[in-house]
Amino acid sequence: NEPKLTFKQEWSKAVEHLAWIHYKLKAQLGKMENHEKICSINNEDSLNCGSLDSIDNKSTVNNSSSNCVLQNHCGRRPWYDSKGKMKEAYIIGLCGGSASGKTTVARNITERIDVPWVVTLNLDSFYKVLTPEQHEESKKMNYDFDHPDAIDFNLAIKTLKSMKIGKTVKIPIYDFTTHTRLKNKSNVVYGANVIIVEGLMTFYPKELLDILDFKIFVETDSDLRLCRRVKRDMEERDRDLSSILLQYTKFVKPNFDKYIFPLVEFADIVIPCNSYNESAIDIIARLIQRNLENRGFIIRPQLISNYQESSIKIDEKIYLIEQTKQVKTLQTIIRDEKTDRLSFCHHSHRLIKLCLVKALSLIDFEIFPNDFGPENSLKKICFVSIMRAGECFEDVTKDLLFDYCFGKILIQTNKETAEPEFHYLKLPNNISSCNVLLFDASISTGASALMAIRILIDHDVNEDNIIMISLLLTPTGYYIIHPNIRYSIYSKCFS
């Protein structure tokens, strides 16, 4: 007795069904291929590494010409629990002589893991800026760049500590030609679950050594290191052969024997011979991969459980816009399954505008006099949308304000685990000093909203400056929204 479907509805239903079949087949084939390749790899003697063989086989495995490459193209899973407590990043230290292959080892490990949440930090970026006198000494080959005092360890340790607790950081870019840091240029790093720190003196300061969770020393023959250094400095740093050899005999070799080689005693693993020791790199990559898979939290069931057990009331921070006849009519229209697309968008935009007006009325501002009468002073506003649903708010904001900045956070739900995953981020540099209005079309369990708020906090946005705006809200999401954010605005709450 079902109503007869139109041709367009039948076609749409058929396409959805085919897409579902394609997804299931692809997932099943991927699991079979993954299982076969893992079994073949575990049978190789070179990879028979005890407890490391117990790695959970959830990632795709591709065989390269030499060894396996562990790949995982998922987004970043929640790095915090339902209470907001974070799991710190796993930090690996790479130490070794100049041109021993540290950078190559780090690159090979990263390529084998192939996830965007593994970051390599080079201590060469933290060389101290030379004074004019020191710069002249360096031209005469009288300045020692291989001494521990040449590196700004205080800045390096401060940066690494911030990365370990999940904060966004700016890595300076050092110009080895002028021996200065590039002005107004830096590499912004955020969202690292695993950090690989490589440099000459990675194990030298005790404070830096204590931060490291796993330590690797790359040991390479001194003649090979000299050949590599000559080639690198001539090609990349525009230096002549005589100056390279003079610096090597005067500073590099003596400092290696005095400061660097004794650090091998602190290493958990020593990679002998050179950076092309594939078996060692493979084992390290598997260790990191296992650590990565154990770093995510499963928070959605915890959020629902916490709501059911909670007796906390946060009504004073939740604002439901006034339920006038207009609002009720708009809600009725957008919830009607017979409403066409144009009408749905039009009436949704009207509701969004009402929510935005309410949110803007809650932002503090000061009134100060000038020659033309009183004027409002308002802290800069930044609109951040949780992609993709939150983007429906963007067009409406243009009708209300002209002086604002925009940001985007892409969070998608994993189809297998039903957990939110962070994929993409674009925020203005001055967001920490702005009033942030965070947009999402609807909040059910609140998992995506909680992740977006956590990202804003990691970018030094004060919780008192965050206002969450949503059209639809459930009681679970009502409770889950971060208790310390300023306000939450919504147009309807569903049980």
Protein backbone atom coordinates (compact mmCIF):
# COMPACT_ATOMS: atom_id res chain seq x y z
CA ASN A 1 0.00 0.00 0.00
CA GLU A 2 3.01 2.32 -0.27
CA PRO A 3 2.46 5.42 -2.45
CA LYS A 4 3.83 5.10 -5.96
CA LEU A 5 7.22 6.74 -6.38
CA THR A 6 7.97 9.15 -9.17
CA PHE A 7 10.69 8.36 -11.69
CA LYS A 8 13.01 10.89 -10.02
CA GLN A 9 12.47 9.32 -6.59
CA GLU A 10 13.02 5.79 -7.94
CA TRP A 11 16.22 6.90 -9.69
CA SER A 12 17.53 8.59 -6.53
CA LYS A 13 16.73 5.51 -4.44
CA ALA A 14 18.49 3.22 -6.94
CA VAL A 15 21.62 5.41 -6.96
CA GLU A 16 21.77 5.39 -3.16
CA HIS A 17 21.40 1.60 -3.10
CA LEU A 18 24.20 1.13 -5.67
CA ALA A 19 26.46 3.48 -3.72
CA TRP A 20 25.83 1.47 -0.55
CA ILE A 21 26.66 -1.81 -2.35
CA HIS A 22 29.83 -0.26 -3.80
CA TYR A 23 30.94 0.92 -0.35
CA LYS A 24 30.36 -2.48 1.26
CA LEU A 25 32.18 -4.37 -1.52
CA LYS A 26 35.11 -1.98 -1.40
CA ALA A 27 35.37 -2.28 2.38
CA GLN A 28 35.22 -6.09 2.24
CA LEU A 29 37.86 -6.33 -0.51
CA GLY A 30 40.09 -3.95 1.42
CA LYS A 31 39.86 -6.10 4.56
CA MET A 32 40.69 -9.29 2.60
CA GLU A 33 43.66 -7.69 0.86
CA ASN A 34 44.86 -6.19 4.13
CA HIS A 35 44.67 -9.56 5.92
CA GLU A 36 46.59 -11.40 3.16
CA LYS A 37 49.40 -8.84 3.02
CA ILE A 38 49.78 -8.61 6.78
CA CYS A 39 50.05 -12.41 6.99
CA SER A 40 52.75 -12.45 4.30
CA ILE A 41 54.68 -9.67 6.04
CA ASN A 42 54.57 -11.36 9.43
CA ASN A 43 56.20 -14.44 7.88
CA GLU A 44 59.31 -12.49 6.88
CA ASP A 45 62.25 -13.06 9.21
CA SER A 46 63.41 -9.45 9.00
CA LEU A 47 60.11 -8.22 10.47
CA ASN A 48 59.70 -10.88 13.17
CA CYS A 49 59.94 -8.41 16.03
CA GLY A 50 58.12 -9.98 18.96
CA SER A 51 55.42 -7.80 20.44
CA LEU A 52 55.43 -5.53 17.41
CA ASP A 53 53.70 -8.29 15.43
CA SER A 54 50.56 -7.75 17.48
CA ILE A 55 49.77 -4.51 15.65
CA ASP A 56 46.05 -4.17 14.96
CA ASN A 57 45.55 -4.68 11.23
CA LYS A 58 43.25 -1.75 10.55
CA SER A 59 45.43 0.15 8.12
CA THR A 60 45.93 -0.47 4.42
CA VAL A 61 49.25 -2.10 3.54
CA ASN A 62 50.98 -1.59 0.21
CA ASN A 63 54.17 -3.38 -0.80
CA SER A 64 56.78 -1.06 -2.25
CA SER A 65 59.89 -2.20 -4.09
CA SER A 66 61.72 -2.78 -0.82
CA ASN A 67 59.33 -3.01 2.13
CA CYS A 68 55.76 -2.43 3.23
CA VAL A 69 54.27 1.02 3.54
CA LEU A 70 51.68 1.44 6.27
CA GLN A 71 48.98 3.82 5.12
CA ASN A 72 46.00 5.28 6.92
CA HIS A 73 44.00 8.02 5.23
CA CYS A 74 41.50 8.56 8.07
CA GLY A 75 41.10 11.85 9.84
CA ARG A 76 42.35 12.56 13.32
CA ARG A 77 40.33 10.71 15.91
CA PRO A 78 39.40 12.40 19.23
CA TRP A 79 42.60 13.03 21.19
CA TYR A 80 40.66 13.77 24.38
CA ASP A 81 38.09 11.91 26.48
CA SER A 82 34.48 12.90 27.14
CA LYS A 83 35.64 15.14 30.00
CA GLY A 84 38.10 17.00 27.78
CA LYS A 85 41.22 15.37 29.27
CA MET A 86 43.84 15.11 26.52
CA LYS A 87 46.33 12.41 25.63
CA GLU A 88 49.74 13.97 25.03
CA ALA A 89 51.58 13.51 21.74
CA TYR A 90 54.17 10.73 21.42
CA ILE A 91 57.62 12.27 20.83
CA ILE A 92 60.51 10.46 19.13
CA GLY A 93 64.03 11.90 19.22
CA LEU A 94 66.54 11.36 16.39
CA CYS A 95 70.17 12.17 17.15
CA GLY A 96 73.37 11.71 15.17
CA GLY A 97 76.33 13.43 13.56
CA SER A 98 76.14 15.95 10.75
CA ALA A 99 74.93 14.33 7.48
CA SER A 100 74.46 10.97 9.21
CA GLY A 101 71.02 10.55 7.61
CA LYS A 102 68.71 11.77 10.39
CA THR A 103 66.44 13.68 8.01
CA THR A 104 66.31 10.72 5.63
CA VAL A 105 65.40 8.36 8.49
CA ALA A 106 62.64 10.72 9.64
CA ARG A 107 61.32 11.04 6.08
CA ASN A 108 61.38 7.27 5.50
CA ILE A 109 59.51 6.63 8.75
CA THR A 110 56.90 9.28 7.90
CA GLU A 111 56.42 7.87 4.38
CA ARG A 112 55.82 4.39 5.74
CA ILE A 113 53.17 5.61 8.15
CA ASP A 114 51.66 8.06 5.63
CA VAL A 115 49.29 9.93 7.93
CA PRO A 116 49.06 13.71 8.31
CA TRP A 117 49.24 13.53 12.11
CA VAL A 118 52.98 12.68 12.21
CA VAL A 119 55.13 15.84 12.28
CA THR A 120 58.90 16.17 11.89
CA LEU A 121 60.59 18.97 13.84
CA ASN A 122 64.15 19.88 12.80
CA LEU A 123 66.33 21.53 15.44
CA ASP A 124 68.14 23.38 12.62
CA SER A 125 65.14 25.74 12.62
CA PHE A 126 66.14 26.91 16.10
CA TYR A 127 69.66 28.16 15.38
CA LYS A 128 70.28 31.49 17.05
CA VAL A 129 70.21 34.65 14.95
CA LEU A 130 73.77 35.93 14.60
CA THR A 131 74.76 39.44 15.56
CA PRO A 132 76.63 41.51 12.93
CA GLU A 133 79.91 40.68 14.69
CA GLN A 134 79.13 36.95 14.77
CA HIS A 135 78.07 37.08 11.13
CA GLU A 136 81.47 38.51 10.19
CA GLU A 137 83.15 35.78 12.24
CA SER A 138 81.14 33.13 10.38
CA LYS A 139 82.39 34.49 7.05
CA LYS A 140 85.94 33.98 8.31
CA MET A 141 85.03 30.44 9.46
CA ASN A 142 85.55 31.40 13.10
CA TYR A 143 82.00 30.80 14.37
CA ASP A 144 81.14 27.34 15.71
CA PHE A 145 77.69 26.22 14.50
CA ASP A 146 78.22 22.72 15.93
CA HIS A 147 78.48 23.84 19.53
CA PRO A 148 75.42 23.46 21.81
CA ASP A 149 75.41 27.23 22.43
CA ALA A 150 74.60 27.86 18.74
CA ILE A 151 71.06 26.46 19.17
CA ASP A 152 68.24 28.25 20.98
CA PHE A 153 67.23 25.29 23.14
CA ASN A 154 64.90 27.40 25.29
CA LEU A 155 62.70 28.20 22.28
CA ALA A 156 62.93 24.61 21.01
CA ILE A 157 61.86 23.15 24.38
CA LYS A 158 59.03 25.68 24.75
CA THR A 159 57.77 24.85 21.24
CA LEU A 160 57.99 21.11 21.84
CA LYS A 161 56.12 21.32 25.15
CA SER A 162 53.31 23.24 23.45
CA MET A 163 53.14 20.63 20.67
CA LYS A 164 53.06 17.81 23.22
CA ILE A 165 49.89 19.17 24.83
CA GLY A 166 48.24 19.78 21.46
CA LYS A 167 48.68 23.55 21.07
CA THR A 168 49.24 25.22 17.71
CA VAL A 169 52.82 26.48 17.30
CA LYS A 170 54.85 28.54 14.85
CA ILE A 171 58.18 27.03 13.76
CA PRO A 172 60.76 29.63 12.66
CA ILE A 173 62.37 29.33 9.22
CA TYR A 174 66.16 29.72 9.39
CA ASP A 175 68.13 31.06 6.42
CA PHE A 176 71.58 29.43 6.41
CA THR A 177 72.88 31.93 3.86
CA THR A 178 72.26 35.03 5.98
CA HIS A 179 72.13 33.14 9.32
CA THR A 180 68.86 34.82 10.27
CA ARG A 181 65.24 33.76 10.72
CA LEU A 182 62.93 34.87 7.95
CA LYS A 183 60.78 37.78 9.12
CA ASN A 184 57.00 37.39 9.08
CA LYS A 185 57.39 33.80 7.88
CA SER A 186 56.97 30.61 9.86
CA ASN A 187 55.56 27.11 9.59
CA VAL A 188 52.34 26.71 11.57
CA VAL A 189 51.97 23.20 13.05
CA TYR A 190 48.88 21.80 14.75
CA GLY A 191 47.37 18.40 15.40
CA ALA A 192 50.39 16.13 15.85
CA ASN A 193 49.78 12.75 17.48
CA VAL A 194 53.40 11.73 16.88
CA ILE A 195 56.32 14.20 16.73
CA ILE A 196 59.75 13.25 15.35
CA VAL A 197 62.47 15.61 16.59
CA GLU A 198 65.76 15.38 14.73
CA GLY A 199 69.00 17.29 15.19
CA LEU A 200 72.65 17.14 16.16
CA MET A 201 72.06 17.75 19.87
CA THR A 202 68.60 16.26 20.37
CA PHE A 203 69.76 14.35 23.47
CA TYR A 204 72.05 17.08 24.84
CA PRO A 205 69.84 19.25 27.13
CA LYS A 206 68.41 17.18 29.96
CA GLU A 207 65.09 19.05 29.82
CA LEU A 208 64.70 18.13 26.15
CA LEU A 209 65.80 14.55 26.81
CA ASP A 210 63.11 14.17 29.48
CA ILE A 211 60.38 15.20 27.01
CA LEU A 212 61.27 12.43 24.55
CA ASP A 213 59.31 9.17 24.78
CA PHE A 214 61.54 7.18 22.40
CA LYS A 215 65.16 7.89 21.44
CA ILE A 216 67.00 6.82 18.27
CA PHE A 217 70.68 7.37 17.44
CA VAL A 218 71.75 7.21 13.77
CA GLU A 219 75.33 5.93 13.51
CA THR A 220 77.14 6.42 10.17
CA ASP A 221 80.78 6.13 9.10
CA SER A 222 82.63 9.47 9.40
CA ASP A 223 83.98 9.36 5.81
CA LEU A 224 80.48 8.86 4.43
CA ARG A 225 79.17 11.70 6.57
CA LEU A 226 81.88 14.02 5.25
CA CYS A 227 81.02 13.18 1.63
CA ARG A 228 77.34 13.85 2.27
CA ARG A 229 78.08 17.13 4.04
CA VAL A 230 80.24 18.39 1.16
CA LYS A 231 77.52 17.56 -1.37
CA ARG A 232 74.73 19.09 0.74
CA ASP A 233 76.49 22.35 1.62
CA MET A 234 77.62 22.96 -1.94
CA GLU A 235 74.18 22.34 -3.44
CA GLU A 236 71.82 23.67 -0.76
CA ARG A 237 73.83 26.29 1.14
CA ASP A 238 75.94 27.77 -1.67
CA ARG A 239 79.35 27.14 -0.09
CA ASP A 240 82.73 26.30 -1.61
CA LEU A 241 84.73 23.13 -0.94
CA SER A 242 87.63 24.75 0.95
CA SER A 243 85.34 26.44 3.50
CA ILE A 244 83.40 23.19 4.04
CA LEU A 245 86.56 21.18 4.73
CA LEU A 246 87.98 23.91 6.98
CA GLN A 247 84.81 24.01 9.06
CA TYR A 248 84.67 20.22 9.25
CA THR A 249 88.20 19.81 10.60
CA LYS A 250 87.99 22.87 12.86
CA PHE A 251 84.54 22.45 14.42
CA VAL A 252 82.38 19.60 13.10
CA LYS A 253 84.60 16.57 13.81
CA PRO A 254 85.91 17.75 17.23
CA ASN A 255 82.40 18.66 18.43
CA PHE A 256 81.03 15.32 17.24
CA ASP A 257 83.61 13.46 19.32
CA LYS A 258 83.07 15.74 22.33
CA TYR A 259 79.31 16.40 22.43
CA ILE A 260 77.39 14.15 20.03
CA PHE A 261 78.88 10.66 20.06
CA PRO A 262 78.71 10.32 23.89
CA LEU A 263 74.93 10.82 23.62
CA VAL A 264 74.58 7.33 22.12
CA GLU A 265 74.26 5.92 25.66
CA PHE A 266 70.83 7.59 26.01
CA ALA A 267 69.41 5.95 22.88
CA ASP A 268 66.77 3.22 23.03
CA ILE A 269 67.69 2.08 19.50
CA VAL A 270 70.89 2.62 17.49
CA ILE A 271 70.47 2.43 13.71
CA PRO A 272 73.86 1.22 12.44
CA CYS A 273 75.49 1.66 9.04
CA ASN A 274 73.29 4.31 7.38
CA SER A 275 69.80 5.67 6.83
CA TYR A 276 68.98 2.87 4.37
CA ASN A 277 68.72 0.24 7.09
CA GLU A 278 65.24 -0.75 5.94
CA SER A 279 64.60 -3.40 8.58
CA ALA A 280 65.24 -0.98 11.45
CA ILE A 281 63.13 1.75 9.86
CA ASP A 282 60.33 -0.73 9.23
CA ILE A 283 60.28 -1.84 12.87
CA ILE A 284 60.21 1.78 14.07
CA ALA A 285 57.39 2.60 11.64
CA ARG A 286 55.35 -0.31 12.98
CA LEU A 287 55.95 0.82 16.56
CA ILE A 288 54.70 4.33 15.72
CA GLN A 289 51.72 2.93 13.81
CA ARG A 290 50.68 0.86 16.80
CA ASN A 291 51.04 3.89 19.05
CA LEU A 292 48.93 5.98 16.66
CA GLU A 293 46.10 3.44 16.69
CA ASN A 294 46.03 3.47 20.48
CA ARG A 295 45.89 7.25 20.83
CA GLY A 296 42.28 7.85 19.84
CA PHE A 297 39.34 7.89 22.25
CA ILE A 298 35.85 6.52 21.65
CA ILE A 299 33.80 9.35 23.07
CA ARG A 300 30.29 9.18 21.59
CA PRO A 301 29.00 6.39 23.92
CA GLN A 302 30.67 8.16 26.86
CA LEU A 303 28.91 11.42 26.00
CA ILE A 304 25.49 9.74 26.00
CA SER A 305 26.28 7.90 29.24
CA ASN A 306 27.50 11.10 30.92
CA TYR A 307 24.27 12.86 29.94
CA GLN A 308 22.10 10.09 31.41
CA GLU A 309 24.01 10.18 34.70
CA SER A 310 24.27 13.96 34.95
CA SER A 311 22.27 16.24 37.18
CA ILE A 312 24.14 19.43 36.23
CA LYS A 313 22.01 22.35 35.08
CA ILE A 314 23.46 24.81 32.60
CA ASP A 315 20.26 26.65 31.66
CA GLU A 316 21.86 30.02 32.27
CA LYS A 317 24.23 29.46 29.34
CA ILE A 318 21.72 28.01 26.89
CA TYR A 319 19.47 30.39 24.97
CA LEU A 320 16.39 29.26 23.06
CA ILE A 321 15.20 32.07 20.82
CA GLU A 322 11.73 33.34 21.64
CA GLN A 323 9.15 30.86 20.35
CA THR A 324 6.93 33.32 18.50
CA LYS A 325 4.34 32.30 15.94
CA GLN A 326 6.83 33.21 13.23
CA VAL A 327 9.51 30.88 14.66
CA LYS A 328 7.03 28.02 15.09
CA THR A 329 5.83 28.47 11.51
CA LEU A 330 9.39 28.43 10.17
CA GLN A 331 10.17 25.29 12.18
CA THR A 332 7.04 23.60 10.85
CA ILE A 333 7.98 24.37 7.24
CA ILE A 334 11.59 23.16 7.42
CA ARG A 335 10.50 19.93 9.17
CA ASP A 336 7.86 19.15 6.56
CA GLU A 337 9.16 16.42 4.22
CA LYS A 338 7.09 17.90 1.38
CA THR A 339 8.94 21.24 1.52
CA ASP A 340 10.97 21.83 -1.65
CA ARG A 341 14.63 22.80 -1.59
CA LEU A 342 14.21 26.52 -2.28
CA SER A 343 11.59 26.94 0.43
CA PHE A 344 13.68 24.92 2.88
CA CYS A 345 16.75 27.12 2.28
CA HIS A 346 14.75 30.36 2.44
CA HIS A 347 13.00 29.58 5.73
CA SER A 348 16.17 28.10 7.26
CA HIS A 349 18.02 31.35 6.49
CA ARG A 350 15.31 33.32 8.27
CA LEU A 351 15.72 31.13 11.38
CA ILE A 352 19.51 31.43 11.17
CA LYS A 353 19.23 35.22 11.05
CA LEU A 354 17.14 35.23 14.24
CA CYS A 355 19.74 33.04 16.00
CA LEU A 356 22.59 35.30 14.84
CA VAL A 357 20.83 38.45 16.01
CA LYS A 358 20.37 36.87 19.44
CA ALA A 359 24.04 35.85 19.58
CA LEU A 360 25.28 39.32 18.58
CA SER A 361 23.13 40.89 21.28
CA LEU A 362 25.03 38.87 23.91
CA ILE A 363 28.48 40.13 22.89
CA ASP A 364 29.90 42.84 25.16
CA PHE A 365 30.73 46.24 23.72
CA GLU A 366 31.77 49.62 25.06
CA ILE A 367 30.40 53.05 24.20
CA PHE A 368 32.89 55.91 23.95
CA PRO A 369 32.36 59.52 22.81
CA ASN A 370 33.98 61.17 19.80
CA ASP A 371 33.53 64.33 17.76
CA PHE A 372 30.53 62.91 15.94
CA GLY A 373 28.66 61.44 18.91
CA PRO A 374 28.75 58.10 20.78
CA GLU A 375 30.26 55.12 19.01
CA ASN A 376 30.33 51.41 19.83
CA SER A 377 33.64 49.63 20.34
CA LEU A 378 33.24 45.91 19.63
CA LYS A 379 35.94 43.26 19.81
CA LYS A 380 36.57 41.73 16.39
CA ILE A 381 34.22 38.88 15.50
CA CYS A 382 35.24 35.63 13.84
CA PHE A 383 32.66 33.25 12.38
CA VAL A 384 33.79 29.60 12.36
CA SER A 385 31.67 26.99 10.58
CA ILE A 386 31.87 23.25 11.18
CA MET A 387 31.95 21.90 7.65
CA ARG A 388 29.85 21.00 5.88
CA ALA A 389 26.52 21.64 7.61
CA GLY A 390 27.72 24.78 9.40
CA GLU A 391 28.40 26.55 6.10
CA CYS A 392 24.69 27.31 5.73
CA PHE A 393 25.23 30.18 8.20
CA GLU A 394 27.83 31.97 6.07
CA ASP A 395 25.54 33.68 3.56
CA VAL A 396 23.33 35.07 6.32
CA THR A 397 26.26 36.68 8.17
CA LYS A 398 26.96 38.95 5.19
CA ASP A 399 23.56 40.60 5.67
CA LEU A 400 24.24 41.44 9.32
CA LEU A 401 27.91 42.46 9.55
CA PHE A 402 30.62 43.83 7.30
CA ASP A 403 33.68 43.75 9.59
CA TYR A 404 34.44 40.15 10.49
CA CYS A 405 36.71 37.22 9.60
CA PHE A 406 35.90 33.63 8.71
CA GLY A 407 37.28 30.23 9.68
CA LYS A 408 36.46 26.64 8.75
CA ILE A 409 36.85 23.29 10.50
CA LEU A 410 36.12 20.06 8.61
CA ILE A 411 34.88 17.31 10.92
CA GLN A 412 33.31 14.16 9.50
CA THR A 413 31.85 11.08 11.13
CA ASN A 414 33.63 7.79 10.50
CA LYS A 415 31.11 5.36 8.99
CA GLU A 416 32.57 2.35 10.78
CA THR A 417 33.18 3.74 14.28
CA ALA A 418 30.57 6.55 14.25
CA GLU A 419 33.23 8.76 15.86
CA PRO A 420 34.04 12.31 14.69
CA GLU A 421 37.33 12.78 12.81
CA PHE A 422 39.20 16.02 12.22
CA HIS A 423 40.36 16.52 8.61
CA TYR A 424 40.96 20.18 7.78
CA LEU A 425 41.42 23.54 9.43
CA LYS A 426 41.68 27.16 8.32
CA LEU A 427 41.56 29.85 10.99
CA PRO A 428 42.70 33.50 11.00
CA ASN A 429 45.97 34.27 12.78
CA ASN A 430 44.36 36.63 15.30
CA ILE A 431 41.52 34.32 16.32
CA SER A 432 42.70 34.19 19.95
CA SER A 433 41.74 37.86 20.36
CA CYS A 434 38.29 37.54 18.71
CA ASN A 435 34.77 36.77 19.80
CA VAL A 436 34.17 33.43 18.06
CA LEU A 437 30.72 32.42 16.84
CA LEU A 438 30.81 28.67 16.11
CA PHE A 439 28.22 27.38 13.63
CA ASP A 440 26.69 23.93 13.24
CA ALA A 441 23.29 23.19 11.71
CA SER A 442 22.30 20.60 14.32
CA ILE A 443 23.74 19.06 17.48
CA SER A 444 22.70 15.53 18.43
CA THR A 445 25.30 13.83 20.66
CA GLY A 446 27.54 16.90 20.61
CA ALA A 447 30.67 14.95 19.59
CA SER A 448 31.51 17.14 16.57
CA ALA A 449 30.77 20.34 18.49
CA LEU A 450 33.01 19.19 21.35
CA MET A 451 35.85 18.49 18.90
CA ALA A 452 35.48 21.92 17.26
CA ILE A 453 35.53 23.66 20.65
CA ARG A 454 38.62 21.64 21.63
CA ILE A 455 40.36 22.80 18.43
CA LEU A 456 39.53 26.45 19.19
CA ILE A 457 40.88 26.07 22.73
CA ASP A 458 44.09 24.55 21.31
CA HIS A 459 44.43 27.75 19.26
CA ASP A 460 44.37 29.83 22.48
CA VAL A 461 40.76 30.97 22.12
CA ASN A 462 39.34 31.72 25.57
CA GLU A 463 36.25 29.64 26.33
CA ASP A 464 34.49 32.83 27.50
CA ASN A 465 34.81 34.16 23.94
CA ILE A 466 33.05 31.21 22.26
CA ILE A 467 29.36 31.28 21.38
CA MET A 468 27.87 28.12 19.84
CA ILE A 469 24.97 28.60 17.40
CA SER A 470 22.79 25.79 16.07
CA LEU A 471 19.31 25.46 14.61
CA LEU A 472 18.43 22.13 16.24
CA LEU A 473 19.58 20.67 19.55
CA THR A 474 18.94 17.47 21.51
CA PRO A 475 19.07 17.16 25.32
CA THR A 476 22.28 15.11 25.01
CA GLY A 477 23.96 17.84 22.99
CA TYR A 478 22.42 20.40 25.34
CA TYR A 479 24.45 18.95 28.22
CA ILE A 480 27.59 18.00 26.30
CA ILE A 481 28.39 21.47 24.95
CA HIS A 482 31.50 22.63 26.78
CA PRO A 483 30.33 23.89 30.21
CA ASN A 484 32.72 26.86 30.20
CA ILE A 485 31.89 28.36 26.82
CA ARG A 486 30.02 31.63 26.98
CA TYR A 487 26.63 30.87 25.44
CA SER A 488 24.83 28.44 23.16
CA ILE A 489 22.02 29.65 20.89
CA TYR A 490 19.46 27.40 19.21
CA SER A 491 15.98 27.64 17.72
CA LYS A 492 14.50 24.27 18.73
CA CYS A 493 15.24 21.42 21.16
CA PHE A 494 14.06 17.87 20.40
CA SER A 495 13.71 15.05 22.89
